[in-house]
Every structure is written in C-alpha cells, then in structure tokens.
Amino acid sequence: MIHDRVHAGKLLAEKLAPLIKGKDCLVLAIPRGGVIVGDEIARRLGLSLDVIISKKITPPDYPEYAVGAITYDGVMYFGHEWEKYSHDLKFEEEISRKKSEVARQIESYRGNTNYDFGSKVVVLVDDGIATGSTVCAILKWLSQKKVTEIILATPIIPFVTCEVLKRFGIHIVALEIPIDFSSVGQFYRKFDQVPDQIVTGIISKYRTT
C-alpha cells in the first residue's frame, strides 16, 4: 500500500535512479496529482520538471466514458470504440472543446505551449493510470516530437493497460501492476484531490530556475 503521492515519488525515484544514470533527462508530469509525484522524482534525482496535459474525448451522452483523447495541438488517440460514437453530430464540438480546454490549461500552468525536448530522455509521470487513453495521446504526441527515449513512471497501472502501452515501445516503471483493478485510489492510503494552487506552486519553482 502506498501512503500518498510523495511516498510514491520517493519509491519511483529509487527504481528510476539506475535506469537514468548518465542520461540527460526531463520529468514531464501530468497534472494534477502527477505533478506531486513528478516533483518528488525530479527533486530526488536532480532533474527539471515540466507538464503536459491531454483530455479524454467522451460521447455526448456518456461524459465519463473515454473513447479517445486529444492534446492541445490536436494529436488524437482513438480508442477501440471510437467508430461507434464518432459519427454523432455533437462529436466535433466535443473534440474542439476539449482541445481548447487543454491549451488553456497548459498556458495557465506554464505560460505557453512551446516544447523543445532536444536530445533529452523524457520521464513521463502520472500518479496512476486506469484506461490509459490520455497517456496514449501524450505518447503519440511525444513520438511526433521525435523524443528518442521515453520512460513512463507511475505508481499504479493495471496489467491490461500496461500491455497496451508497451506497444509504444517505451520503458514502464511501476510500483503496482495489478490484474484485478477497480480504481487508482484503492492502492493509496491517502488520495485526496490536488488543489490547482499546489500544482502551480510546484511548477513555478522549476520555471524560475
């Protein structure tokens, strides 16, 4: 059982240390909870931290059901039920709205949507992964950015989702890869909502250094 997100970051940093030794790495965290985990990793391993976001694309009548995801610049991941819902007349509106939301959020956190990873190894961090739709969109986006190596670091990822993400040719570092899974929160003692001001406070430390 993981105590909280800081504890998760500490444990992941220990597992990551030998993997990244001698490499030029950047921690790329997914808000909100992933930023707390990523901050702990970055601090312990002496790395910089940045953030990236994607949003789930959901059918108009099923707002919790992800059939895909999108990044701020329109990179999209299509889930296995995409075709079933994509012909709905309201679907284009959903896609446009989510794309705008992502861009707005990123700009509020980091001031712009300009990314340049150069030759860095990207350590993509979240506080837990369920279906993986949003992570898949980010991995597609990173591949278009010509990132040469990606390490996905997360405390929790279900076995089924892990197998899907392996298709992206990435290295996955996790604390728990359960076969039986109902929610990320079940593996934490403390899994509170993370206030936006906590996230912006963490990001600002790295933007000014």
Protein backbone atom coordinates (compact mmCIF):
# COMPACT_ATOMS: atom_id res chain seq x y z
CA MET A 1 0.00 0.00 0.00
CA ILE A 2 1.32 3.47 -0.97
CA HIS A 3 0.91 6.14 1.68
CA ASP A 4 0.48 9.19 -0.60
CA ARG A 5 1.80 10.79 -3.79
CA VAL A 6 5.04 11.97 -2.13
CA HIS A 7 5.73 8.43 -0.95
CA ALA A 8 5.00 7.17 -4.48
CA GLY A 9 7.51 9.65 -5.93
CA LYS A 10 10.18 8.53 -3.47
CA LEU A 11 9.71 4.86 -4.35
CA LEU A 12 9.68 5.56 -8.09
CA ALA A 13 12.82 7.70 -7.82
CA GLU A 14 14.62 4.74 -6.24
CA LYS A 15 13.59 2.50 -9.14
CA LEU A 16 14.44 5.13 -11.77
CA ALA A 17 17.90 6.06 -10.46
CA PRO A 18 19.85 3.19 -12.06
CA LEU A 19 17.87 3.49 -15.32
CA ILE A 20 18.65 7.15 -15.92
CA LYS A 21 22.24 7.20 -14.68
CA GLY A 22 24.37 9.20 -17.13
CA LYS A 23 21.35 10.29 -19.19
CA ASP A 24 20.07 13.82 -19.80
CA CYS A 25 16.52 13.52 -18.50
CA LEU A 26 13.44 15.68 -18.03
CA VAL A 27 10.47 14.81 -15.84
CA LEU A 28 7.25 15.51 -17.74
CA ALA A 29 4.36 15.31 -15.28
CA ILE A 30 0.62 15.06 -15.89
CA PRO A 31 -1.44 17.38 -13.65
CA ARG A 32 -2.73 17.39 -11.17
CA GLY A 33 -1.62 14.51 -8.98
CA GLY A 34 1.20 13.53 -11.31
CA VAL A 35 2.91 16.83 -10.60
CA ILE A 36 3.32 15.95 -6.92
CA VAL A 37 4.79 12.55 -7.84
CA GLY A 38 6.94 14.14 -10.55
CA ASP A 39 8.21 16.86 -8.22
CA GLU A 40 9.43 14.25 -5.75
CA ILE A 41 11.18 12.32 -8.52
CA ALA A 42 12.76 15.45 -10.01
CA ARG A 43 13.92 16.72 -6.63
CA ARG A 44 15.48 13.41 -5.57
CA LEU A 45 17.20 12.79 -8.91
CA GLY A 46 18.24 16.39 -9.62
CA LEU A 47 16.11 16.78 -12.74
CA SER A 48 14.00 19.55 -14.25
CA LEU A 49 10.21 19.26 -14.38
CA ASP A 50 7.64 20.31 -16.96
CA VAL A 51 3.99 19.45 -17.51
CA ILE A 52 1.80 18.11 -20.31
CA ILE A 53 -1.94 17.51 -20.49
CA SER A 54 -4.38 15.67 -22.70
CA LYS A 55 -8.14 15.37 -22.29
CA LYS A 56 -10.47 12.43 -22.69
CA ILE A 57 -12.86 12.54 -25.63
CA THR A 58 -16.24 11.27 -24.43
CA PRO A 59 -19.57 10.61 -26.19
CA PRO A 60 -22.14 13.40 -25.65
CA ASP A 61 -24.39 11.21 -23.52
CA TYR A 62 -21.60 9.42 -21.60
CA PRO A 63 -19.33 12.11 -20.09
CA GLU A 64 -17.26 9.63 -18.03
CA TYR A 65 -16.61 7.13 -20.83
CA ALA A 66 -13.39 7.79 -22.75
CA VAL A 67 -13.31 6.68 -26.38
CA GLY A 68 -10.14 8.64 -27.12
CA ALA A 69 -8.07 11.63 -26.06
CA ILE A 70 -6.57 14.81 -27.52
CA THR A 71 -3.60 17.12 -26.91
CA TYR A 72 -3.52 20.93 -27.19
CA ASP A 73 -2.33 20.78 -30.81
CA GLY A 74 -4.79 18.16 -31.98
CA VAL A 75 -2.83 14.93 -31.67
CA MET A 76 -5.50 12.31 -31.05
CA TYR A 77 -5.63 8.80 -29.71
CA PHE A 78 -8.56 6.69 -30.91
CA GLY A 79 -9.83 4.01 -28.55
CA HIS A 80 -11.36 0.74 -29.74
CA GLU A 81 -14.92 2.15 -29.62
CA TRP A 82 -14.15 5.39 -31.44
CA GLU A 83 -16.07 4.48 -34.60
CA LYS A 84 -19.17 3.61 -32.60
CA TYR A 85 -19.58 7.22 -31.41
CA SER A 86 -17.57 9.39 -33.80
CA HIS A 87 -20.46 9.91 -36.25
CA ASP A 88 -22.57 11.75 -33.66
CA LEU A 89 -23.17 15.33 -34.83
CA LYS A 90 -22.10 16.65 -31.43
CA PHE A 91 -18.77 14.83 -31.55
CA GLU A 92 -16.84 17.51 -33.46
CA GLU A 93 -17.98 20.03 -30.88
CA GLU A 94 -16.68 17.78 -28.10
CA ILE A 95 -13.29 17.44 -29.82
CA SER A 96 -12.95 21.19 -30.39
CA ARG A 97 -13.95 21.99 -26.82
CA LYS A 98 -11.50 19.53 -25.27
CA LYS A 99 -8.66 20.74 -27.47
CA SER A 100 -9.30 24.34 -26.36
CA GLU A 101 -9.51 23.29 -22.71
CA VAL A 102 -6.14 21.55 -22.88
CA ALA A 103 -4.45 24.55 -24.49
CA ARG A 104 -5.93 26.90 -21.91
CA GLN A 105 -4.81 24.72 -19.01
CA ILE A 106 -1.27 24.32 -20.29
CA GLU A 107 -0.92 28.06 -20.85
CA SER A 108 -2.20 28.75 -17.32
CA TYR A 109 0.39 26.36 -15.85
CA ARG A 110 3.47 27.15 -17.94
CA GLY A 111 2.69 30.34 -19.87
CA ASN A 112 2.88 28.87 -23.37
CA THR A 113 2.57 25.69 -25.42
CA ASN A 114 6.12 25.71 -26.77
CA TYR A 115 8.00 22.48 -26.12
CA ASP A 116 11.56 21.62 -27.16
CA PHE A 117 12.90 18.35 -25.75
CA GLY A 118 16.14 18.40 -27.72
CA SER A 119 18.01 15.17 -27.01
CA LYS A 120 16.57 14.64 -23.53
CA VAL A 121 15.16 11.37 -22.27
CA VAL A 122 11.59 12.08 -21.16
CA VAL A 123 10.35 10.55 -17.91
CA LEU A 124 6.56 10.80 -18.21
CA VAL A 125 4.93 10.73 -14.77
CA ASP A 126 1.37 10.31 -13.53
CA ASP A 127 0.00 9.41 -10.09
CA GLY A 128 -1.77 6.38 -11.51
CA ILE A 129 -3.18 5.14 -14.80
CA ALA A 130 -6.53 3.45 -15.37
CA THR A 131 -7.64 3.03 -19.01
CA GLY A 132 -4.62 4.90 -20.37
CA SER A 133 -6.43 6.96 -23.03
CA THR A 134 -4.89 10.30 -22.03
CA VAL A 135 -1.43 8.76 -21.68
CA CYS A 136 -1.73 7.18 -25.13
CA ALA A 137 -2.47 10.59 -26.65
CA ILE A 138 0.59 12.06 -24.91
CA LEU A 139 2.79 9.18 -26.09
CA LYS A 140 1.63 9.77 -29.68
CA TRP A 141 2.40 13.47 -29.21
CA LEU A 142 5.89 12.71 -27.84
CA SER A 143 6.62 10.45 -30.80
CA GLN A 144 5.80 13.35 -33.12
CA LYS A 145 8.23 15.49 -31.11
CA LYS A 146 10.94 12.97 -32.10
CA VAL A 147 11.72 12.06 -28.49
CA THR A 148 14.25 9.22 -28.72
CA GLU A 149 13.56 7.56 -25.36
CA ILE A 150 10.52 7.64 -23.10
CA ILE A 151 10.25 6.16 -19.62
CA LEU A 152 6.74 6.02 -18.18
CA ALA A 153 6.83 6.18 -14.37
CA THR A 154 3.63 5.60 -12.45
CA PRO A 155 2.76 4.06 -9.09
CA ILE A 156 -0.23 2.10 -10.42
CA ILE A 157 -1.10 0.70 -13.82
CA PRO A 158 -3.44 -2.24 -14.48
CA PHE A 159 -1.90 -5.21 -16.26
CA VAL A 160 -4.20 -4.83 -19.28
CA THR A 161 -3.37 -1.14 -19.70
CA CYS A 162 0.34 -1.85 -19.25
CA GLU A 163 0.23 -4.30 -22.14
CA VAL A 164 -1.45 -1.68 -24.35
CA LEU A 165 1.14 0.98 -23.52
CA LYS A 166 4.05 -1.37 -24.20
CA ARG A 167 3.08 -1.16 -27.88
CA PHE A 168 4.52 2.36 -27.89
CA GLY A 169 8.00 0.92 -27.34
CA ILE A 170 8.51 2.63 -24.00
CA HIS A 171 10.06 1.52 -20.73
CA ILE A 172 7.45 1.29 -17.97
CA VAL A 173 8.43 1.70 -14.32
CA ALA A 174 5.59 0.97 -11.89
CA LEU A 175 5.12 0.06 -8.25
CA GLU A 176 1.96 -1.99 -8.80
CA ILE A 177 0.70 -3.74 -11.96
CA PRO A 178 -2.48 -5.39 -10.69
CA ILE A 179 -4.58 -7.84 -12.66
CA ASP A 180 -7.62 -7.05 -10.52
CA PHE A 181 -8.22 -3.29 -10.67
CA SER A 182 -11.12 -1.01 -9.83
CA SER A 183 -9.51 2.39 -9.23
CA VAL A 184 -6.13 4.03 -8.69
CA GLY A 185 -7.22 5.28 -5.26
CA GLN A 186 -7.59 1.77 -3.87
CA PHE A 187 -3.78 1.45 -3.80
CA TYR A 188 -3.24 4.65 -1.77
CA ARG A 189 -3.91 5.29 1.90
CA LYS A 190 -4.30 8.98 1.07
CA PHE A 191 -5.52 10.04 -2.37
CA ASP A 192 -7.04 13.48 -1.93
CA GLN A 193 -7.93 15.92 -4.69
CA VAL A 194 -4.97 18.17 -5.51
CA PRO A 195 -5.75 21.93 -5.49
CA ASP A 196 -4.69 23.87 -8.55
CA GLN A 197 -2.59 26.27 -6.47
CA ILE A 198 -0.42 23.36 -5.30
CA VAL A 199 0.29 22.43 -8.90
CA THR A 200 1.08 25.99 -9.99
CA GLY A 201 3.31 26.44 -6.95
CA ILE A 202 5.36 23.38 -7.82
CA ILE A 203 5.65 24.31 -11.50
CA SER A 204 6.75 27.85 -10.67
CA LYS A 205 9.79 26.51 -8.78
CA TYR A 206 11.09 24.97 -11.99
CA ARG A 207 10.12 27.83 -14.31
CA THR A 208 12.29 30.27 -12.38
CA THR A 209 15.38 28.12 -12.03
